[in-house]
Amino acid sequence: MLGALFKSLTSGFSVCLERVKRLPSCESKTFEVCFDPQSANLPLGKVDVLLPIKVRGGPTFQVRLRAMVAEPSLCVSRDRLEFSAVQCGQFLGSGGHVWVG
């Protein structure tokens, strides 16, 4: 069973999780994670948070959420405005399965 919504005002992460009952064997459930460092007024640097997902009648799984808060640089001249490269929407992760016997 998953909680309805996890939003951490201090970490900038929000996760939308639907409540799941009796998920069939070999099935999975997708959820969305968003990161908004401005809403949490975060300084530049790394953010590292553990998201607990409780399985009714089973263990609690800790999902690690990580992000890097960065500020793009800006170069201005008389005839050109140039931004440095900005990475957005980058994802690094892996899927996992929980088998309930």
Protein backbone atom coordinates (compact mmCIF):
# COMPACT_ATOMS: atom_id res chain seq x y z
CA MET A 1 0.00 0.00 0.00
CA LEU A 2 1.38 3.40 -0.94
CA GLY A 3 0.56 6.75 0.64
CA ALA A 4 -1.40 9.35 -1.34
CA LEU A 5 1.16 12.19 -1.41
CA PHE A 6 4.62 12.88 -0.04
CA LYS A 7 5.73 16.50 -0.10
CA SER A 8 8.73 17.69 1.82
CA LEU A 9 8.75 21.46 2.19
CA THR A 10 12.36 21.38 3.38
CA SER A 11 13.81 19.17 0.63
CA GLY A 12 11.94 20.50 -2.43
CA PHE A 13 10.79 17.00 -3.45
CA SER A 14 7.18 16.06 -4.00
CA VAL A 15 6.00 12.58 -4.92
CA CYS A 16 2.55 11.65 -6.17
CA LEU A 17 1.70 8.10 -5.10
CA GLU A 18 -1.69 6.49 -5.53
CA ARG A 19 -2.92 4.09 -2.86
CA VAL A 20 -2.57 0.53 -4.17
CA LYS A 21 -4.56 -2.46 -2.90
CA ARG A 22 -3.93 -6.04 -3.98
CA LEU A 23 -1.41 -5.40 -6.73
CA PRO A 24 -1.35 -8.60 -8.82
CA SER A 25 1.82 -10.66 -8.99
CA CYS A 26 4.35 -9.43 -11.60
CA GLU A 27 2.56 -6.07 -11.89
CA SER A 28 4.10 -2.67 -11.17
CA LYS A 29 2.95 0.80 -10.25
CA THR A 30 4.54 3.99 -11.62
CA PHE A 31 4.79 7.19 -9.60
CA GLU A 32 6.04 10.70 -10.32
CA VAL A 33 8.75 12.60 -8.47
CA CYS A 34 9.14 16.38 -8.85
CA PHE A 35 11.88 18.64 -7.52
CA ASP A 36 11.38 22.37 -6.94
CA PRO A 37 14.32 23.89 -5.03
CA GLN A 38 12.82 27.39 -5.10
CA SER A 39 9.73 26.32 -3.13
CA ALA A 40 12.02 25.04 -0.35
CA ASN A 41 14.37 28.03 -0.60
CA LEU A 42 17.35 25.68 -0.97
CA PRO A 43 20.95 26.87 -1.29
CA LEU A 44 23.21 25.67 -4.12
CA GLY A 45 24.54 22.14 -3.67
CA LYS A 46 23.44 18.54 -3.17
CA VAL A 47 20.08 17.42 -1.76
CA ASP A 48 19.67 13.86 -0.45
CA VAL A 49 16.36 12.56 1.00
CA LEU A 50 14.99 9.13 1.95
CA LEU A 51 11.38 8.43 0.91
CA PRO A 52 9.82 5.64 3.00
CA ILE A 53 7.28 3.45 1.16
CA LYS A 54 5.30 1.24 3.55
CA VAL A 55 3.90 -2.08 2.38
CA ARG A 56 0.97 -3.16 4.54
CA GLY A 57 1.86 -6.41 6.25
CA GLY A 58 5.39 -6.09 4.91
CA PRO A 59 8.53 -4.03 5.18
CA THR A 60 9.09 -0.32 4.64
CA PHE A 61 11.31 0.39 1.63
CA GLN A 62 13.57 3.45 1.62
CA VAL A 63 13.87 5.13 -1.78
CA ARG A 64 16.76 7.59 -2.00
CA LEU A 65 16.02 10.85 -3.87
CA ARG A 66 18.99 13.00 -4.89
CA ALA A 67 19.31 16.31 -6.71
CA MET A 68 21.86 19.03 -7.36
CA VAL A 69 20.76 22.65 -7.02
CA ALA A 70 22.73 24.80 -9.46
CA GLU A 71 22.61 28.33 -10.79
CA PRO A 72 23.29 29.00 -14.48
CA SER A 73 25.83 31.66 -15.37
CA LEU A 74 25.08 34.50 -17.74
CA CYS A 75 27.52 36.31 -20.05
CA VAL A 76 26.46 39.68 -21.44
CA SER A 77 28.11 41.75 -24.15
CA ARG A 78 26.87 44.60 -26.36
CA ASP A 79 25.68 42.31 -29.12
CA ARG A 80 25.08 38.95 -27.47
CA LEU A 81 23.42 37.32 -24.46
CA GLU A 82 24.78 33.85 -23.66
CA PHE A 83 23.74 31.32 -21.01
CA SER A 84 25.88 28.43 -19.86
CA ALA A 85 24.54 24.90 -20.36
CA VAL A 86 21.70 23.94 -17.99
CA GLN A 87 20.71 20.33 -17.36
CA CYS A 88 17.02 19.85 -16.76
CA GLY A 89 14.91 16.73 -16.40
CA GLN A 90 17.86 14.39 -16.09
CA PHE A 91 16.99 10.99 -14.64
CA LEU A 92 19.21 8.28 -13.28
CA GLY A 93 17.51 5.34 -11.67
CA SER A 94 16.52 1.74 -11.80
CA GLY A 95 13.39 -0.27 -11.38
CA GLY A 96 12.85 -2.70 -8.60
CA HIS A 97 10.34 -5.36 -7.75
CA VAL A 98 8.89 -6.49 -4.45
CA TRP A 99 7.74 -10.08 -4.29
CA VAL A 100 5.12 -10.83 -1.67
CA GLY A 101 4.67 -14.52 -0.96
